[in-house]
PDB file of N, CA and C in Angstrom:
ATOM      1  N   MET A   1     119.471  87.862  68.756  1.00  0.00           N
ATOM      2  CA  MET A   1     119.647  89.209  69.190  1.00  0.00           C
ATOM      3  C   MET A   1     118.682  89.802  67.791  1.00  0.00           C
ATOM      4  N   ILE A   2     117.723  90.965  68.158  1.00  0.00           N
ATOM      5  CA  ILE A   2     117.506  91.980  67.192  1.00  0.00           C
ATOM      6  C   ILE A   2     117.884  92.941  67.196  1.00  0.00           C
ATOM      7  N   ASP A   3     118.527  93.000  65.358  1.00  0.00           N
ATOM      8  CA  ASP A   3     119.277  93.857  64.778  1.00  0.00           C
ATOM      9  C   ASP A   3     119.417  95.530  64.768  1.00  0.00           C
ATOM     10  N   ASP A   4     117.828  96.095  64.796  1.00  0.00           N
ATOM     11  CA  ASP A   4     117.373  96.970  64.082  1.00  0.00           C
ATOM     12  C   ASP A   4     117.357  97.948  65.223  1.00  0.00           C
ATOM     13  N   ALA A   5     116.260  98.764  65.164  1.00  0.00           N
ATOM     14  CA  ALA A   5     116.162  99.808  65.761  1.00  0.00           C
ATOM     15  C   ALA A   5     114.872  99.529  67.145  1.00  0.00           C
ATOM     16  N   SER A   6     114.043  98.338  67.139  1.00  0.00           N
ATOM     17  CA  SER A   6     113.218  98.088  67.769  1.00  0.00           C
ATOM     18  C   SER A   6     114.735  97.406  68.821  1.00  0.00           C
ATOM     19  N   GLY A   7     115.435  96.574  68.893  1.00  0.00           N
ATOM     20  CA  GLY A   7     116.435  96.207  69.332  1.00  0.00           C
ATOM     21  C   GLY A   7     117.299  96.882  70.526  1.00  0.00           C
ATOM     22  N   ALA A   8     117.366  98.080  70.385  1.00  0.00           N
ATOM     23  CA  ALA A   8     118.199  99.086  70.958  1.00  0.00           C
ATOM     24  C   ALA A   8     116.898  98.952  72.533  1.00  0.00           C
ATOM     25  N   LYS A   9     115.134  99.296  71.716  1.00  0.00           N
ATOM     26  CA  LYS A   9     114.114  99.555  73.170  1.00  0.00           C
ATOM     27  C   LYS A   9     113.665  98.117  73.593  1.00  0.00           C
ATOM     28  N   VAL A  10     114.421  96.591  73.665  1.00  0.00           N
ATOM     29  CA  VAL A  10     114.064  96.243  73.927  1.00  0.00           C
ATOM     30  C   VAL A  10     115.227  95.857  75.109  1.00  0.00           C
ATOM     31  N   LEU A  11     116.402  96.305  74.718  1.00  0.00           N
ATOM     32  CA  LEU A  11     117.493  95.592  75.765  1.00  0.00           C
ATOM     33  C   LEU A  11     117.210  97.147  76.767  1.00  0.00           C
ATOM     34  N   ASP A  12     116.739  98.111  75.961  1.00  0.00           N
ATOM     35  CA  ASP A  12     116.663  99.352  77.229  1.00  0.00           C
ATOM     36  C   ASP A  12     115.454  98.610  78.370  1.00  0.00           C
ATOM     37  N   GLU A  13     114.386  97.975  77.694  1.00  0.00           N
ATOM     38  CA  GLU A  13     113.106  97.807  78.614  1.00  0.00           C
ATOM     39  C   GLU A  13     113.640  96.416  79.993  1.00  0.00           C
ATOM     40  N   ILE A  14     114.659  95.845  78.757  1.00  0.00           N
ATOM     41  CA  ILE A  14     115.154  94.733  79.881  1.00  0.00           C
ATOM     42  C   ILE A  14     115.865  94.936  81.092  1.00  0.00           C
ATOM     43  N   ALA A  15     116.313  96.181  81.137  1.00  0.00           N
ATOM     44  CA  ALA A  15     117.743  96.642  81.858  1.00  0.00           C
ATOM     45  C   ALA A  15     116.721  97.481  83.035  1.00  0.00           C
ATOM     46  N   THR A  16     115.796  98.409  82.205  1.00  0.00           N
ATOM     47  CA  THR A  16     114.423  99.047  83.204  1.00  0.00           C
ATOM     48  C   THR A  16     113.852  98.186  84.268  1.00  0.00           C
ATOM     49  N   ARG A  17     113.277  97.182  83.731  1.00  0.00           N
ATOM     50  CA  ARG A  17     112.564  96.265  84.516  1.00  0.00           C
ATOM     51  C   ARG A  17     113.873  95.342  85.299  1.00  0.00           C
ATOM     52  N   ARG A  18     114.470  95.348  84.674  1.00  0.00           N
ATOM     53  CA  ARG A  18     115.800  94.342  85.942  1.00  0.00           C
ATOM     54  C   ARG A  18     115.823  95.310  87.282  1.00  0.00           C
ATOM     55  N   ALA A  19     116.393  96.749  86.737  1.00  0.00           N
ATOM     56  CA  ALA A  19     116.959  97.835  87.824  1.00  0.00           C
ATOM     57  C   ALA A  19     115.525  97.932  89.031  1.00  0.00           C
ATOM     58  N   ALA A  20     114.173  97.912  88.106  1.00  0.00           N
ATOM     59  CA  ALA A  20     112.779  97.967  89.142  1.00  0.00           C
ATOM     60  C   ALA A  20     113.195  96.830  90.074  1.00  0.00           C
ATOM     61  N   ALA A  21     113.023  95.946  89.631  1.00  0.00           N
ATOM     62  CA  ALA A  21     112.606  94.039  90.555  1.00  0.00           C
ATOM     63  C   ALA A  21     113.686  94.592  91.645  1.00  0.00           C
ATOM     64  N   TYR A  22     115.378  94.512  90.975  1.00  0.00           N
ATOM     65  CA  TYR A  22     116.153  95.131  92.330  1.00  0.00           C
ATOM     66  C   TYR A  22     115.880  95.616  93.543  1.00  0.00           C
ATOM     67  N   ARG A  23     115.675  96.988  92.537  1.00  0.00           N
ATOM     68  CA  ARG A  23     114.988  97.820  93.566  1.00  0.00           C
ATOM     69  C   ARG A  23     114.251  97.386  94.579  1.00  0.00           C
ATOM     70  N   ALA A  24     112.643  96.776  93.771  1.00  0.00           N
ATOM     71  CA  ALA A  24     111.810  96.003  94.774  1.00  0.00           C
ATOM     72  C   ALA A  24     112.264  95.204  96.005  1.00  0.00           C
ATOM     73  N   GLU A  25     112.697  94.181  95.301  1.00  0.00           N
ATOM     74  CA  GLU A  25     113.512  93.359  96.324  1.00  0.00           C
ATOM     75  C   GLU A  25     114.649  94.177  97.363  1.00  0.00           C
ATOM     76  N   TYR A  26     115.635  94.453  97.059  1.00  0.00           N
ATOM     77  CA  TYR A  26     116.622  94.739  97.872  1.00  0.00           C
ATOM     78  C   TYR A  26     116.516  96.897  98.329  1.00  0.00           C
ATOM     79  N   ASP A  27     116.195  97.743  97.697  1.00  0.00           N
ATOM     80  CA  ASP A  27     116.054  98.938  98.088  1.00  0.00           C
ATOM     81  C   ASP A  27     115.313  98.939  99.559  1.00  0.00           C
ATOM     82  N   PHE A  28     115.873  98.964 100.466  1.00  0.00           N
ATOM     83  CA  PHE A  28     114.799  98.587 102.037  1.00  0.00           C
ATOM     84  C   PHE A  28     115.823  99.113 103.043  1.00  0.00           C
ATOM     85  N   PHE A  29     115.224  99.832 104.232  1.00  0.00           N
ATOM     86  CA  PHE A  29     116.103  99.509 104.768  1.00  0.00           C
ATOM     87  C   PHE A  29     115.590  98.566 106.593  1.00  0.00           C
ATOM     88  N   PRO A  30     115.792  97.311 106.411  1.00  0.00           N
ATOM     89  CA  PRO A  30     115.629  96.223 107.384  1.00  0.00           C
ATOM     90  C   PRO A  30     116.095  96.695 108.725  1.00  0.00           C
ATOM     91  N   ASP A  31     115.027  96.261 109.795  1.00  0.00           N
ATOM     92  CA  ASP A  31     115.816  96.593 111.310  1.00  0.00           C
ATOM     93  C   ASP A  31     117.296  95.307 111.241  1.00  0.00           C
ATOM     94  N   GLY A  32     117.723  95.802 112.250  1.00  0.00           N
ATOM     95  CA  GLY A  32     118.412  94.816 112.890  1.00  0.00           C
ATOM     96  C   GLY A  32     119.502  94.233 111.618  1.00  0.00           C
ATOM     97  N   GLU A  33     119.938  95.176 110.213  1.00  0.00           N
ATOM     98  CA  GLU A  33     120.851  94.634 109.422  1.00  0.00           C
ATOM     99  C   GLU A  33     121.923  95.567 110.060  1.00  0.00           C
ATOM    100  N   SER A  34     122.935  95.781 109.765  1.00  0.00           N
ATOM    101  CA  SER A  34     124.501  96.379 110.333  1.00  0.00           C
ATOM    102  C   SER A  34     124.843  97.498 109.301  1.00  0.00           C
ATOM    103  N   PRO A  35     125.022  98.417 109.827  1.00  0.00           N
ATOM    104  CA  PRO A  35     125.120  99.712 108.426  1.00  0.00           C
ATOM    105  C   PRO A  35     126.286  99.217 107.680  1.00  0.00           C
ATOM    106  N   ASP A  36     127.039  98.753 108.177  1.00  0.00           N
ATOM    107  CA  ASP A  36     127.983  98.015 107.116  1.00  0.00           C
ATOM    108  C   ASP A  36     127.153  97.193 105.950  1.00  0.00           C
ATOM    109  N   ASP A  37     126.882  96.273 106.022  1.00  0.00           N
ATOM    110  CA  ASP A  37     125.964  95.066 105.524  1.00  0.00           C
ATOM    111  C   ASP A  37     124.575  96.083 104.596  1.00  0.00           C
ATOM    112  N   SER A  38     124.320  97.424 104.937  1.00  0.00           N
ATOM    113  CA  SER A  38     123.310  97.958 103.710  1.00  0.00           C
ATOM    114  C   SER A  38     124.424  98.596 103.658  1.00  0.00           C
ATOM    115  N   ARG A  39     125.274  99.160 103.132  1.00  0.00           N
ATOM    116  CA  ARG A  39     125.863 100.310 102.439  1.00  0.00           C
ATOM    117  C   ARG A  39     126.616  99.242 101.796  1.00  0.00           C
ATOM    118  N   ARG A  40     127.245  97.699 102.003  1.00  0.00           N
ATOM    119  CA  ARG A  40     127.508  96.813 100.659  1.00  0.00           C
ATOM    120  C   ARG A  40     126.395  96.793  99.896  1.00  0.00           C
ATOM    121  N   ARG A  41     125.216  96.366 100.480  1.00  0.00           N
ATOM    122  CA  ARG A  41     123.753  96.550  99.155  1.00  0.00           C
ATOM    123  C   ARG A  41     123.537  97.530  98.298  1.00  0.00           C
ATOM    124  N   PHE A  42     123.897  98.823  99.464  1.00  0.00           N
ATOM    125  CA  PHE A  42     123.170  99.625  98.934  1.00  0.00           C
ATOM    126  C   PHE A  42     124.302  99.802  97.300  1.00  0.00           C
ATOM    127  N   LYS A  43     125.906  99.798  97.712  1.00  0.00           N
ATOM    128  CA  LYS A  43     126.984  99.596  96.791  1.00  0.00           C
ATOM    129  C   LYS A  43     126.271  98.535  95.241  1.00  0.00           C
ATOM    130  N   TRP A  44     125.981  97.691  95.849  1.00  0.00           N
ATOM    131  CA  TRP A  44     126.394  96.093  95.074  1.00  0.00           C
ATOM    132  C   TRP A  44     124.514  97.195  93.835  1.00  0.00           C
ATOM    133  N   LEU A  45     123.256  97.474  94.465  1.00  0.00           N
ATOM    134  CA  LEU A  45     122.216  97.941  93.550  1.00  0.00           C
ATOM    135  C   LEU A  45     123.219  99.069  92.931  1.00  0.00           C
ATOM    136  N   HIS A  46     123.609  99.759  92.962  1.00  0.00           N
ATOM    137  CA  HIS A  46     124.457 101.100  92.281  1.00  0.00           C
ATOM    138  C   HIS A  46     125.235 100.750  91.170  1.00  0.00           C
ATOM    139  N   GLN A  47     126.027  99.404  91.988  1.00  0.00           N
ATOM    140  CA  GLN A  47     127.169  98.412  90.643  1.00  0.00           C
ATOM    141  C   GLN A  47     125.919  98.084  89.128  1.00  0.00           C
ATOM    142  N   GLU A  48     124.842  97.652  90.067  1.00  0.00           N
ATOM    143  CA  GLU A  48     123.987  96.567  89.471  1.00  0.00           C
ATOM    144  C   GLU A  48     123.128  97.699  88.632  1.00  0.00           C
ATOM    145  N   GLU A  49     123.265  98.840  88.213  1.00  0.00           N
ATOM    146  CA  GLU A  49     122.708 100.020  87.897  1.00  0.00           C
ATOM    147  C   GLU A  49     120.915 100.104  88.017  1.00  0.00           C
ATOM    148  N   ALA A  50     120.894  99.979  89.279  1.00  0.00           N
ATOM    149  CA  ALA A  50     119.229 100.154  89.889  1.00  0.00           C
ATOM    150  C   ALA A  50     119.050 101.291  90.737  1.00  0.00           C
ATOM    151  N   LEU A  51     120.615 101.797  90.810  1.00  0.00           N
ATOM    152  CA  LEU A  51     120.225 102.732  91.609  1.00  0.00           C
ATOM    153  C   LEU A  51     121.303 104.110  91.145  1.00  0.00           C
ATOM    154  N   THR A  52     120.952 105.329  90.522  1.00  0.00           N
ATOM    155  CA  THR A  52     121.904 106.444  90.298  1.00  0.00           C
ATOM    156  C   THR A  52     122.792 106.637  91.343  1.00  0.00           C
ATOM    157  N   ASP A  53     123.821 107.496  90.803  1.00  0.00           N
ATOM    158  CA  ASP A  53     125.101 107.699  91.691  1.00  0.00           C
ATOM    159  C   ASP A  53     124.088 108.991  92.591  1.00  0.00           C
ATOM    160  N   GLU A  54     123.416 109.868  92.599  1.00  0.00           N
ATOM    161  CA  GLU A  54     122.177 110.579  93.541  1.00  0.00           C
ATOM    162  C   GLU A  54     121.493 109.706  94.412  1.00  0.00           C
ATOM    163  N   GLN A  55     120.914 108.313  93.912  1.00  0.00           N
ATOM    164  CA  GLN A  55     120.593 107.313  94.839  1.00  0.00           C
ATOM    165  C   GLN A  55     120.938 107.019  96.191  1.00  0.00           C
ATOM    166  N   LEU A  56     122.731 106.955  95.288  1.00  0.00           N
ATOM    167  CA  LEU A  56     123.464 106.065  95.927  1.00  0.00           C
ATOM    168  C   LEU A  56     123.646 106.900  97.619  1.00  0.00           C
ATOM    169  N   GLN A  57     124.024 108.127  96.884  1.00  0.00           N
ATOM    170  CA  GLN A  57     124.495 108.860  98.113  1.00  0.00           C
ATOM    171  C   GLN A  57     123.010 109.196  99.170  1.00  0.00           C
ATOM    172  N   GLY A  58     122.458 109.447  98.822  1.00  0.00           N
ATOM    173  CA  GLY A  58     121.137 109.339  99.362  1.00  0.00           C
ATOM    174  C   GLY A  58     121.027 108.405 100.707  1.00  0.00           C
ATOM    175  N   ARG A  59     120.792 106.895 100.051  1.00  0.00           N
ATOM    176  CA  ARG A  59     120.394 106.214 100.770  1.00  0.00           C
ATOM    177  C   ARG A  59     122.195 105.642 101.810  1.00  0.00           C
ATOM    178  N   LEU A  60     123.519 106.106 101.291  1.00  0.00           N
ATOM    179  CA  LEU A  60     124.395 106.089 102.384  1.00  0.00           C
ATOM    180  C   LEU A  60     124.207 107.057 103.237  1.00  0.00           C
ATOM    181  N   ALA A  61     123.869 108.548 103.191  1.00  0.00           N
ATOM    182  CA  ALA A  61     123.259 109.081 103.872  1.00  0.00           C
ATOM    183  C   ALA A  61     122.522 108.695 105.092  1.00  0.00           C
ATOM    184  N   GLN A  62     121.442 108.193 104.630  1.00  0.00           N
ATOM    185  CA  GLN A  62     120.015 107.700 105.687  1.00  0.00           C
ATOM    186  C   GLN A  62     120.776 107.165 106.314  1.00  0.00           C
ATOM    187  N   VAL A  63     121.705 105.594 105.655  1.00  0.00           N
ATOM    188  CA  VAL A  63     122.664 104.863 106.732  1.00  0.00           C
ATOM    189  C   VAL A  63     123.790 105.616 107.807  1.00  0.00           C
ATOM    190  N   ASP A  64     124.568 106.425 107.542  1.00  0.00           N
ATOM    191  CA  ASP A  64     125.244 107.180 107.962  1.00  0.00           C
ATOM    192  C   ASP A  64     124.082 108.407 109.399  1.00  0.00           C
ATOM    193  N   ALA A  65     123.137 108.503 108.715  1.00  0.00           N
ATOM    194  CA  ALA A  65     122.095 108.878 110.114  1.00  0.00           C
ATOM    195  C   ALA A  65     121.643 107.772 110.526  1.00  0.00           C
ATOM    196  N   MET A  66     121.125 107.019 110.399  1.00  0.00           N
ATOM    197  CA  MET A  66     120.708 105.606 111.429  1.00  0.00           C
ATOM    198  C   MET A  66     121.855 105.238 112.317  1.00  0.00           C
ATOM    199  N   GLU A  67     122.994 105.420 111.916  1.00  0.00           N
ATOM    200  CA  GLU A  67     123.747 104.631 112.541  1.00  0.00           C
ATOM    201  C   GLU A  67     124.216 105.939 113.972  1.00  0.00           C
ATOM    202  N   VAL A  68     123.968 107.109 113.415  1.00  0.00           N
ATOM    203  CA  VAL A  68     124.526 108.471 114.492  1.00  0.00           C
ATOM    204  C   VAL A  68     123.753 108.048 114.835  1.00  0.00           C
ATOM    205  N   ALA A  69     121.886 108.186 114.447  1.00  0.00           N
ATOM    206  CA  ALA A  69     121.291 108.536 116.114  1.00  0.00           C
ATOM    207  C   ALA A  69     120.734 107.422 116.540  1.00  0.00           C
ATOM    208  N   PRO A  70     120.845 106.429 116.792  1.00  0.00           N
ATOM    209  CA  PRO A  70     121.083 105.381 118.354  1.00  0.00           C
ATOM    210  C   PRO A  70     121.940 106.267 119.444  1.00  0.00           C
ATOM    211  N   THR A  71     122.868 106.284 118.788  1.00  0.00           N
ATOM    212  CA  THR A  71     123.881 106.963 119.946  1.00  0.00           C
ATOM    213  C   THR A  71     123.495 107.885 120.891  1.00  0.00           C
ATOM    214  N   ALA A  72     123.002 108.897 120.313  1.00  0.00           N
ATOM    215  CA  ALA A  72     122.095 110.262 120.423  1.00  0.00           C
ATOM    216  C   ALA A  72     121.315 110.240 121.416  1.00  0.00           C
ATOM    217  N   LEU A  73     120.079 109.027 120.902  1.00  0.00           N
ATOM    218  CA  LEU A  73     119.260 108.698 121.891  1.00  0.00           C
ATOM    219  C   LEU A  73     119.323 107.643 123.298  1.00  0.00           C
ATOM    220  N   GLU A  74     120.665 107.218 123.542  1.00  0.00           N
ATOM    221  CA  GLU A  74     121.172 106.455 124.447  1.00  0.00           C
ATOM    222  C   GLU A  74     120.346 106.638 125.742  1.00  0.00           C
ATOM    223  N   PRO A  75     119.946 105.784 126.654  1.00  0.00           N
ATOM    224  CA  PRO A  75     118.878 106.487 127.880  1.00  0.00           C
ATOM    225  C   PRO A  75     120.422 106.517 128.737  1.00  0.00           C
ATOM    226  N   ALA A  76     120.024 107.731 129.959  1.00  0.00           N
ATOM    227  CA  ALA A  76     120.508 108.141 130.744  1.00  0.00           C
ATOM    228  C   ALA A  76     120.926 106.955 131.489  1.00  0.00           C
ATOM    229  N   ALA A  77     121.994 107.278 132.255  1.00  0.00           N
ATOM    230  CA  ALA A  77     122.818 106.543 133.006  1.00  0.00           C
ATOM    231  C   ALA A  77     121.161 106.063 134.100  1.00  0.00           C
ATOM    232  N   ALA A  78     121.050 105.010 135.118  1.00  0.00           N
ATOM    233  CA  ALA A  78     120.215 104.332 135.731  1.00  0.00           C
ATOM    234  C   ALA A  78     120.170 105.388 137.086  1.00  0.00           C
ATOM    235  N   ARG A  79     119.141 105.784 137.711  1.00  0.00           N
ATOM    236  CA  ARG A  79     119.515 106.516 138.955  1.00  0.00           C
ATOM    237  C   ARG A  79     118.563 105.624 139.860  1.00  0.00           C
ATOM    238  N   PRO A  80     119.291 105.716 141.399  1.00  0.00           N
ATOM    239  CA  PRO A  80     118.025 105.079 142.106  1.00  0.00           C
ATOM    240  C   PRO A  80     117.064 105.500 142.233  1.00  0.00           C
ATOM    241  N   LEU A  81     115.678 104.844 142.494  1.00  0.00           N
ATOM    242  CA  LEU A  81     114.775 105.041 143.037  1.00  0.00           C
ATOM    243  C   LEU A  81     114.775 105.667 144.315  1.00  0.00           C
ATOM    244  N   LEU A  82     113.713 106.480 144.859  1.00  0.00           N
ATOM    245  CA  LEU A  82     113.644 106.912 145.953  1.00  0.00           C
ATOM    246  C   LEU A  82     112.582 106.554 146.589  1.00  0.00           C
ATOM    247  N   ASN A  83     112.242 105.686 147.034  1.00  0.00           N
ATOM    248  CA  ASN A  83     110.959 104.938 148.365  1.00  0.00           C
ATOM    249  C   ASN A  83     111.306 104.704 149.028  1.00  0.00           C
TER     250      ASN A  83
END
C-alpha cells in the first residue's frame, strides 16, 4: 500500500471506479422485477456507497410510484358488446 499523499488519491479513485461500475451494472429499472427486489437492490447499492442518500431516496420513490401506477391504469370491467 502507498503510505504517502498519493495513497489516499489512489484509494479514492478505486472507490469512485467501483461505485461507477456498480451503478453501470445494477442501477436500472428492469421490466418484470418485483418492487421488493428493486428496493433491495437499490439499498444494496447504497450500502456499497454506489448511491448517495439522496439518490437512494429518489430510486425508492420511483419504485413506489411504479408500484402504484399499474393499479391506477387497470382496465375497466369488460362490458358486453352490442351486436
